[in-house]
């Protein structure tokens, strides 16, 4: 299998408390997640020229050529989710955590992505607040002067591995 190294922006998203939601009503949770993917996530990813690399149950890994596009996509998704969750009881809300990083990655022959760039995005997603977006320092450096949004510095964080 051939592999290619490249620089890419990686967005990792995950549903907060998915196991709990599925435990309460698995069929409805799955149906809602499928609807969110087709109505919101996939169109937003397409508009911002992203490529879904893989889905893992309640998670999604997306590659972008531009970190600005990745962050714009994340903001669009999170803003739409706030609207969709208005009026939904807190224990029934589907909320995402999103991590965004730009870095060196390895693309496998089958299109799968591996390497530090992917791992860091996944770790950032894990420390993001519900409905939040956590950027790496490298991603922030690329977007801070290009996007008119407020950023909060979380300081240095120790990430697993």
N, C-alpha and C. Protein backbone atom coordinates (compact mmCIF):
# COMPACT_ATOMS: atom_id res chain seq x y z
N UNK A 1 0.84 -1.18 0.00
CA UNK A 1 0.00 0.00 0.00
C UNK A 1 0.89 1.24 0.00
N UNK A 2 0.56 2.18 -0.86
CA UNK A 2 1.36 3.40 -0.90
C UNK A 2 0.84 4.40 0.12
N UNK A 3 1.72 5.29 0.54
CA UNK A 3 1.33 6.33 1.48
C UNK A 3 1.93 7.64 1.02
N UNK A 4 1.24 8.73 1.35
CA UNK A 4 1.67 10.07 0.96
C UNK A 4 1.67 10.96 2.19
N UNK A 5 2.74 11.70 2.38
CA UNK A 5 2.76 12.70 3.45
C UNK A 5 2.27 14.02 2.88
N UNK A 6 1.53 14.75 3.70
CA UNK A 6 1.06 16.06 3.28
C UNK A 6 0.66 16.88 4.49
N UNK A 7 0.53 18.16 4.26
CA UNK A 7 0.04 19.08 5.28
C UNK A 7 -1.46 19.22 5.08
N UNK A 8 -2.23 19.09 6.15
CA UNK A 8 -3.68 19.19 6.02
C UNK A 8 -4.28 19.69 7.33
N UNK A 9 -5.46 20.26 7.21
CA UNK A 9 -6.24 20.64 8.38
C UNK A 9 -7.18 19.48 8.69
N UNK A 10 -7.21 19.08 9.95
CA UNK A 10 -8.04 17.96 10.38
C UNK A 10 -9.06 18.45 11.40
N UNK A 11 -10.32 18.06 11.16
CA UNK A 11 -11.40 18.36 12.08
C UNK A 11 -11.89 17.02 12.63
N UNK A 12 -11.90 16.91 13.94
CA UNK A 12 -12.42 15.72 14.61
C UNK A 12 -13.64 16.15 15.43
N UNK A 13 -14.77 15.47 15.21
CA UNK A 13 -16.00 15.80 15.93
C UNK A 13 -16.56 14.54 16.57
N UNK A 14 -17.22 14.74 17.70
CA UNK A 14 -17.74 13.62 18.47
C UNK A 14 -18.99 14.09 19.22
N UNK A 15 -19.95 13.19 19.42
CA UNK A 15 -21.15 13.53 20.17
C UNK A 15 -20.87 13.40 21.66
N UNK A 16 -21.21 14.44 22.41
CA UNK A 16 -21.04 14.44 23.86
C UNK A 16 -22.06 13.48 24.48
N UNK A 17 -21.59 12.58 25.32
CA UNK A 17 -22.51 11.69 26.05
C UNK A 17 -23.30 10.76 25.16
N UNK A 18 -22.71 10.32 24.06
CA UNK A 18 -23.43 9.47 23.10
C UNK A 18 -23.92 8.18 23.76
N UNK A 19 -23.10 7.53 24.55
CA UNK A 19 -23.50 6.27 25.18
C UNK A 19 -24.73 6.45 26.04
N UNK A 20 -24.76 7.55 26.78
CA UNK A 20 -25.92 7.83 27.63
C UNK A 20 -27.16 8.04 26.78
N UNK A 21 -27.04 8.85 25.71
CA UNK A 21 -28.17 9.11 24.82
C UNK A 21 -28.68 7.82 24.19
N UNK A 22 -27.75 7.00 23.71
CA UNK A 22 -28.13 5.74 23.08
C UNK A 22 -28.75 4.79 24.09
N UNK A 23 -28.27 4.84 25.33
CA UNK A 23 -28.83 3.99 26.37
C UNK A 23 -30.26 4.33 26.70
N UNK A 24 -30.61 5.61 26.60
CA UNK A 24 -31.98 6.05 26.88
C UNK A 24 -32.91 5.65 25.74
N UNK A 25 -32.47 5.89 24.49
CA UNK A 25 -33.30 5.58 23.32
C UNK A 25 -32.40 5.45 22.10
N UNK A 26 -31.87 4.24 21.91
CA UNK A 26 -30.90 4.02 20.84
C UNK A 26 -31.47 4.30 19.45
N UNK A 27 -32.67 3.81 19.17
CA UNK A 27 -33.25 3.99 17.83
C UNK A 27 -33.44 5.47 17.50
N UNK A 28 -34.00 6.22 18.43
CA UNK A 28 -34.23 7.64 18.18
C UNK A 28 -32.89 8.40 18.07
N UNK A 29 -31.93 8.06 18.92
CA UNK A 29 -30.62 8.73 18.88
C UNK A 29 -29.94 8.49 17.54
N UNK A 30 -29.95 7.24 17.08
CA UNK A 30 -29.35 6.93 15.78
C UNK A 30 -30.07 7.66 14.65
N UNK A 31 -31.38 7.69 14.69
CA UNK A 31 -32.15 8.38 13.65
C UNK A 31 -31.83 9.89 13.65
N UNK A 32 -31.74 10.47 14.83
CA UNK A 32 -31.42 11.91 14.92
C UNK A 32 -30.01 12.19 14.41
N UNK A 33 -29.06 11.30 14.75
CA UNK A 33 -27.68 11.48 14.30
C UNK A 33 -27.58 11.34 12.78
N UNK A 34 -28.28 10.35 12.21
CA UNK A 34 -28.30 10.20 10.75
C UNK A 34 -28.88 11.44 10.08
N UNK A 35 -29.97 11.98 10.64
CA UNK A 35 -30.60 13.17 10.08
C UNK A 35 -29.65 14.37 10.17
N UNK A 36 -28.94 14.51 11.29
CA UNK A 36 -27.97 15.61 11.43
C UNK A 36 -26.86 15.49 10.40
N UNK A 37 -26.41 14.28 10.16
CA UNK A 37 -25.36 14.08 9.16
C UNK A 37 -25.84 14.51 7.77
N UNK A 38 -27.03 14.07 7.39
CA UNK A 38 -27.49 14.37 6.03
C UNK A 38 -27.97 15.81 5.88
N UNK A 39 -28.56 16.38 6.92
CA UNK A 39 -29.12 17.74 6.81
C UNK A 39 -28.13 18.84 7.14
N UNK A 40 -27.15 18.56 8.00
CA UNK A 40 -26.27 19.62 8.49
C UNK A 40 -24.79 19.33 8.25
N UNK A 41 -24.29 18.23 8.81
CA UNK A 41 -22.85 17.98 8.75
C UNK A 41 -22.33 17.82 7.32
N UNK A 42 -22.90 16.89 6.58
CA UNK A 42 -22.39 16.64 5.23
C UNK A 42 -22.49 17.87 4.32
N UNK A 43 -23.62 18.61 4.34
CA UNK A 43 -23.67 19.83 3.52
C UNK A 43 -22.64 20.88 3.96
N UNK A 44 -22.45 21.06 5.26
CA UNK A 44 -21.46 22.04 5.75
C UNK A 44 -20.05 21.63 5.32
N UNK A 45 -19.76 20.35 5.43
CA UNK A 45 -18.44 19.85 5.03
C UNK A 45 -18.23 20.09 3.53
N UNK A 46 -19.26 19.83 2.73
CA UNK A 46 -19.16 20.03 1.28
C UNK A 46 -18.96 21.49 0.92
N UNK A 47 -19.71 22.38 1.56
CA UNK A 47 -19.60 23.82 1.29
C UNK A 47 -18.18 24.31 1.57
N UNK A 48 -17.56 23.78 2.61
CA UNK A 48 -16.23 24.21 3.02
C UNK A 48 -15.12 23.32 2.45
N UNK A 49 -15.48 22.53 1.46
CA UNK A 49 -14.54 21.72 0.68
C UNK A 49 -13.75 20.75 1.56
N UNK A 50 -14.48 20.08 2.44
CA UNK A 50 -13.86 19.06 3.27
C UNK A 50 -14.12 17.68 2.70
N UNK A 51 -13.38 16.71 3.21
CA UNK A 51 -13.55 15.31 2.81
C UNK A 51 -13.70 14.47 4.07
N UNK A 52 -14.84 13.79 4.19
CA UNK A 52 -15.03 12.88 5.32
C UNK A 52 -14.09 11.70 5.13
N UNK A 53 -13.18 11.55 6.09
CA UNK A 53 -12.20 10.47 6.04
C UNK A 53 -12.80 9.21 6.63
N UNK A 54 -13.44 9.36 7.78
CA UNK A 54 -14.09 8.20 8.41
C UNK A 54 -15.11 8.66 9.43
N UNK A 55 -16.05 7.77 9.65
CA UNK A 55 -17.03 7.95 10.71
C UNK A 55 -16.86 6.77 11.65
N UNK A 56 -16.92 7.07 12.94
CA UNK A 56 -16.78 6.02 13.94
C UNK A 56 -17.96 6.14 14.89
N UNK A 57 -19.06 5.51 14.57
CA UNK A 57 -20.24 5.60 15.42
C UNK A 57 -20.70 7.04 15.53
N UNK A 58 -20.37 7.67 16.66
CA UNK A 58 -20.81 9.05 16.89
C UNK A 58 -19.74 10.06 16.51
N UNK A 59 -18.63 9.62 15.93
CA UNK A 59 -17.53 10.52 15.60
C UNK A 59 -17.33 10.67 14.10
N UNK A 60 -16.69 11.77 13.74
CA UNK A 60 -16.39 12.05 12.34
C UNK A 60 -15.00 12.66 12.25
N UNK A 61 -14.22 12.22 11.27
CA UNK A 61 -12.91 12.78 10.99
C UNK A 61 -12.94 13.35 9.58
N UNK A 62 -12.59 14.65 9.46
CA UNK A 62 -12.70 15.34 8.18
C UNK A 62 -11.38 16.03 7.85
N UNK A 63 -11.00 15.95 6.59
CA UNK A 63 -9.79 16.60 6.10
C UNK A 63 -10.18 17.84 5.28
N UNK A 64 -9.45 18.93 5.50
CA UNK A 64 -9.62 20.16 4.72
C UNK A 64 -8.27 20.59 4.18
N UNK A 65 -8.26 21.23 3.03
CA UNK A 65 -7.01 21.79 2.50
C UNK A 65 -6.67 23.08 3.22
N UNK A 66 -7.70 23.74 3.80
CA UNK A 66 -7.52 25.02 4.47
C UNK A 66 -8.01 24.94 5.90
N UNK A 67 -7.19 25.39 6.85
CA UNK A 67 -7.63 25.40 8.24
C UNK A 67 -8.71 26.46 8.45
N UNK A 68 -8.69 27.52 7.66
CA UNK A 68 -9.75 28.53 7.73
C UNK A 68 -11.09 27.88 7.37
N UNK A 69 -11.10 27.08 6.32
CA UNK A 69 -12.33 26.37 5.94
C UNK A 69 -12.77 25.41 7.03
N UNK A 70 -11.82 24.71 7.65
CA UNK A 70 -12.15 23.76 8.71
C UNK A 70 -12.81 24.47 9.89
N UNK A 71 -12.25 25.61 10.28
CA UNK A 71 -12.80 26.34 11.43
C UNK A 71 -14.15 26.96 11.06
N UNK A 72 -14.27 27.48 9.85
CA UNK A 72 -15.58 28.01 9.42
C UNK A 72 -16.64 26.92 9.45
N UNK A 73 -16.30 25.73 8.99
CA UNK A 73 -17.22 24.60 9.02
C UNK A 73 -17.62 24.28 10.46
N UNK A 74 -16.64 24.23 11.35
CA UNK A 74 -16.91 23.93 12.76
C UNK A 74 -17.85 24.97 13.38
N UNK A 75 -17.60 26.23 13.09
CA UNK A 75 -18.44 27.31 13.63
C UNK A 75 -19.87 27.18 13.10
N UNK A 76 -20.00 26.92 11.79
CA UNK A 76 -21.32 26.77 11.19
C UNK A 76 -22.09 25.62 11.84
N UNK A 77 -21.42 24.50 12.04
CA UNK A 77 -22.07 23.33 12.65
C UNK A 77 -22.49 23.64 14.08
N UNK A 78 -21.58 24.22 14.87
CA UNK A 78 -21.90 24.48 16.27
C UNK A 78 -23.02 25.51 16.42
N UNK A 79 -23.01 26.55 15.59
CA UNK A 79 -24.09 27.54 15.64
C UNK A 79 -25.43 26.91 15.28
N UNK A 80 -25.44 26.06 14.24
CA UNK A 80 -26.67 25.39 13.84
C UNK A 80 -27.17 24.45 14.94
N UNK A 81 -26.24 23.80 15.63
CA UNK A 81 -26.64 22.88 16.71
C UNK A 81 -27.27 23.63 17.88
N UNK A 82 -26.75 24.83 18.17
CA UNK A 82 -27.37 25.63 19.24
C UNK A 82 -28.82 25.95 18.89
N UNK A 83 -29.07 26.30 17.63
CA UNK A 83 -30.44 26.57 17.19
C UNK A 83 -31.31 25.31 17.26
N UNK A 84 -30.77 24.20 16.78
CA UNK A 84 -31.54 22.95 16.76
C UNK A 84 -31.85 22.45 18.17
N UNK A 85 -30.98 22.74 19.13
CA UNK A 85 -31.18 22.26 20.49
C UNK A 85 -32.04 23.19 21.34
N UNK A 86 -32.36 24.37 20.81
CA UNK A 86 -33.22 25.30 21.56
C UNK A 86 -34.55 24.60 21.81
N UNK A 87 -34.96 24.56 23.06
CA UNK A 87 -36.24 23.94 23.39
C UNK A 87 -36.17 22.44 23.60
N UNK A 88 -35.02 21.81 23.33
CA UNK A 88 -34.86 20.38 23.58
C UNK A 88 -34.37 20.21 25.02
N UNK A 89 -34.96 19.30 25.78
CA UNK A 89 -34.49 19.12 27.16
C UNK A 89 -32.98 18.79 27.16
N UNK A 90 -32.24 19.36 28.12
CA UNK A 90 -30.79 19.16 28.15
C UNK A 90 -30.35 17.70 28.07
N UNK A 91 -31.08 16.79 28.69
CA UNK A 91 -30.68 15.38 28.68
C UNK A 91 -30.97 14.68 27.36
N UNK A 92 -31.61 15.37 26.42
CA UNK A 92 -31.93 14.79 25.10
C UNK A 92 -31.16 15.46 23.96
N UNK A 93 -30.39 16.50 24.27
CA UNK A 93 -29.68 17.25 23.23
C UNK A 93 -28.52 16.45 22.65
N UNK A 94 -28.37 16.55 21.34
CA UNK A 94 -27.16 16.05 20.69
C UNK A 94 -26.23 17.25 20.59
N UNK A 95 -25.09 17.15 21.25
CA UNK A 95 -24.11 18.24 21.25
C UNK A 95 -22.77 17.67 20.80
N UNK A 96 -22.05 18.47 20.02
CA UNK A 96 -20.75 18.04 19.52
C UNK A 96 -19.62 18.73 20.25
N UNK A 97 -18.50 18.05 20.32
CA UNK A 97 -17.20 18.63 20.65
C UNK A 97 -16.41 18.56 19.35
N UNK A 98 -15.65 19.61 19.05
CA UNK A 98 -14.86 19.62 17.82
C UNK A 98 -13.43 20.06 18.12
N UNK A 99 -12.47 19.33 17.56
CA UNK A 99 -11.06 19.70 17.62
C UNK A 99 -10.55 19.96 16.21
N UNK A 100 -9.71 20.99 16.06
CA UNK A 100 -9.14 21.32 14.75
C UNK A 100 -7.64 21.53 14.90
N UNK A 101 -6.89 20.88 14.02
CA UNK A 101 -5.43 21.01 14.00
C UNK A 101 -4.96 21.05 12.56
N UNK A 102 -3.86 21.71 12.34
CA UNK A 102 -3.21 21.65 11.04
C UNK A 102 -1.83 21.07 11.26
N UNK A 103 -1.50 20.06 10.46
CA UNK A 103 -0.21 19.43 10.66
C UNK A 103 0.09 18.41 9.59
N UNK A 104 1.24 17.80 9.74
CA UNK A 104 1.71 16.78 8.82
C UNK A 104 0.94 15.49 9.08
N UNK A 105 0.42 14.90 8.01
CA UNK A 105 -0.32 13.65 8.13
C UNK A 105 0.17 12.67 7.06
N UNK A 106 -0.20 11.44 7.23
CA UNK A 106 0.10 10.40 6.26
C UNK A 106 -1.22 9.91 5.70
N UNK A 107 -1.36 9.97 4.36
CA UNK A 107 -2.56 9.43 3.72
C UNK A 107 -2.22 8.05 3.18
N UNK A 108 -2.96 7.07 3.64
CA UNK A 108 -2.78 5.69 3.19
C UNK A 108 -3.35 5.54 1.78
N UNK A 109 -3.01 4.45 1.13
CA UNK A 109 -3.50 4.19 -0.22
C UNK A 109 -5.01 4.14 -0.33
N UNK A 110 -5.68 3.74 0.77
CA UNK A 110 -7.15 3.66 0.76
C UNK A 110 -7.82 4.97 1.15
N UNK A 111 -7.02 6.05 1.34
CA UNK A 111 -7.59 7.36 1.68
C UNK A 111 -7.67 7.64 3.17
N UNK A 112 -7.40 6.62 4.01
CA UNK A 112 -7.42 6.83 5.45
C UNK A 112 -6.23 7.72 5.83
N UNK A 113 -6.38 8.47 6.91
CA UNK A 113 -5.33 9.37 7.38
C UNK A 113 -4.79 8.88 8.71
N UNK A 114 -3.48 9.07 8.91
CA UNK A 114 -2.83 8.68 10.15
C UNK A 114 -1.77 9.71 10.49
N UNK A 115 -1.22 9.60 11.69
CA UNK A 115 -0.11 10.45 12.08
C UNK A 115 -0.48 11.46 13.14
N UNK A 116 0.54 12.21 13.57
CA UNK A 116 0.36 13.18 14.66
C UNK A 116 -0.74 14.19 14.36
N UNK A 117 -0.82 14.65 13.12
CA UNK A 117 -1.83 15.64 12.76
C UNK A 117 -3.24 15.18 13.09
N UNK A 118 -3.50 13.91 12.84
CA UNK A 118 -4.82 13.33 13.12
C UNK A 118 -4.98 13.12 14.63
N UNK A 119 -3.95 12.58 15.28
CA UNK A 119 -4.02 12.30 16.71
C UNK A 119 -4.25 13.57 17.52
N UNK A 120 -3.57 14.65 17.15
CA UNK A 120 -3.72 15.90 17.89
C UNK A 120 -5.15 16.44 17.74
N UNK A 121 -5.70 16.40 16.54
CA UNK A 121 -7.09 16.86 16.34
C UNK A 121 -8.04 16.05 17.21
N UNK A 122 -7.84 14.74 17.29
CA UNK A 122 -8.70 13.89 18.10
C UNK A 122 -8.56 14.21 19.59
N UNK A 123 -7.34 14.46 20.04
CA UNK A 123 -7.12 14.81 21.46
C UNK A 123 -7.76 16.16 21.79
N UNK A 124 -7.67 17.12 20.85
CA UNK A 124 -8.28 18.44 21.07
C UNK A 124 -9.80 18.32 21.16
N UNK A 125 -10.37 17.47 20.32
CA UNK A 125 -11.81 17.24 20.39
C UNK A 125 -12.18 16.72 21.78
N UNK A 126 -11.35 15.85 22.32
CA UNK A 126 -11.62 15.27 23.63
C UNK A 126 -11.62 16.28 24.77
N UNK A 127 -10.86 17.38 24.64
CA UNK A 127 -10.83 18.38 25.72
C UNK A 127 -11.73 19.58 25.43
N UNK A 128 -12.37 19.61 24.25
CA UNK A 128 -13.28 20.72 23.93
C UNK A 128 -14.51 20.63 24.82
N UNK A 129 -15.07 21.80 25.11
CA UNK A 129 -16.33 21.85 25.86
C UNK A 129 -17.47 21.36 24.96
N UNK A 130 -18.56 20.86 25.55
CA UNK A 130 -19.74 20.57 24.74
C UNK A 130 -20.15 21.84 23.98
N UNK A 131 -20.48 21.71 22.71
CA UNK A 131 -20.79 22.82 21.80
C UNK A 131 -19.56 23.67 21.50
N UNK A 132 -18.39 23.21 21.87
CA UNK A 132 -17.18 24.00 21.70
C UNK A 132 -16.29 23.51 20.58
N UNK A 133 -15.32 24.36 20.26
CA UNK A 133 -14.31 24.07 19.24
C UNK A 133 -12.97 24.36 19.88
N UNK A 134 -12.08 23.40 19.86
CA UNK A 134 -10.75 23.57 20.43
C UNK A 134 -9.73 23.52 19.30
N UNK A 135 -8.96 24.60 19.15
CA UNK A 135 -7.95 24.69 18.10
C UNK A 135 -6.56 24.46 18.69
N UNK A 136 -5.70 23.86 17.90
CA UNK A 136 -4.30 23.77 18.29
C UNK A 136 -3.68 25.16 18.10
N UNK A 137 -2.52 25.36 18.70
CA UNK A 137 -1.80 26.62 18.50
C UNK A 137 -1.50 26.86 17.03
N UNK A 138 -1.13 25.79 16.31
CA UNK A 138 -0.82 25.91 14.88
C UNK A 138 -2.05 26.35 14.09
N UNK A 139 -3.21 25.79 14.41
CA UNK A 139 -4.45 26.18 13.72
C UNK A 139 -4.80 27.63 14.04
N UNK A 140 -4.69 27.98 15.32
CA UNK A 140 -5.00 29.35 15.74
C UNK A 140 -4.14 30.37 15.00
N UNK A 141 -2.85 30.09 14.89
CA UNK A 141 -1.94 31.02 14.19
C UNK A 141 -2.41 31.29 12.76
N UNK A 142 -2.98 30.30 12.12
CA UNK A 142 -3.43 30.44 10.74
C UNK A 142 -4.75 31.19 10.60
N UNK A 143 -5.61 31.13 11.62
CA UNK A 143 -6.96 31.70 11.48
C UNK A 143 -7.20 32.99 12.25
N UNK A 144 -6.35 33.31 13.20
CA UNK A 144 -6.65 34.42 14.11
C UNK A 144 -6.90 35.75 13.42
N UNK A 145 -6.20 36.04 12.35
CA UNK A 145 -6.39 37.31 11.65
C UNK A 145 -7.35 37.20 10.48
N UNK A 146 -7.85 36.01 10.22
CA UNK A 146 -8.70 35.79 9.05
C UNK A 146 -10.17 35.61 9.40
N UNK A 147 -10.46 35.30 10.65
CA UNK A 147 -11.85 35.08 11.08
C UNK A 147 -12.21 36.08 12.17
N UNK A 148 -13.37 36.68 12.02
CA UNK A 148 -13.84 37.67 12.98
C UNK A 148 -14.63 36.97 14.09
N UNK A 149 -13.93 36.20 14.89
CA UNK A 149 -14.55 35.52 16.03
C UNK A 149 -13.67 35.71 17.24
N UNK A 150 -14.25 35.57 18.42
CA UNK A 150 -13.48 35.69 19.66
C UNK A 150 -12.89 34.33 20.01
N UNK A 151 -11.62 34.33 20.34
CA UNK A 151 -10.93 33.11 20.76
C UNK A 151 -10.58 33.24 22.23
N UNK A 152 -10.59 32.12 22.94
CA UNK A 152 -10.18 32.10 24.33
C UNK A 152 -8.95 31.19 24.44
N UNK A 153 -7.88 31.73 24.99
CA UNK A 153 -6.64 30.96 25.14
C UNK A 153 -6.79 30.04 26.35
N UNK A 154 -6.69 28.74 26.13
CA UNK A 154 -6.77 27.78 27.21
C UNK A 154 -5.42 27.47 27.81
N UNK A 155 -4.37 28.09 27.27
CA UNK A 155 -3.02 27.83 27.75
C UNK A 155 -2.51 26.51 27.23
N UNK A 156 -1.34 26.12 27.69
CA UNK A 156 -0.76 24.85 27.28
C UNK A 156 -1.55 23.71 27.92
N UNK A 157 -1.83 22.70 27.12
CA UNK A 157 -2.54 21.52 27.61
C UNK A 157 -1.70 20.29 27.31
N UNK A 158 -1.64 19.41 28.27
CA UNK A 158 -0.94 18.13 28.09
C UNK A 158 -1.91 17.16 27.46
N UNK A 159 -1.59 16.68 26.26
CA UNK A 159 -2.47 15.75 25.56
C UNK A 159 -1.89 14.34 25.63
N UNK A 160 -2.76 13.35 25.71
CA UNK A 160 -2.33 11.95 25.77
C UNK A 160 -1.50 11.60 24.52
N UNK A 161 -0.43 10.83 24.72
CA UNK A 161 0.44 10.40 23.63
C UNK A 161 1.04 11.56 22.87
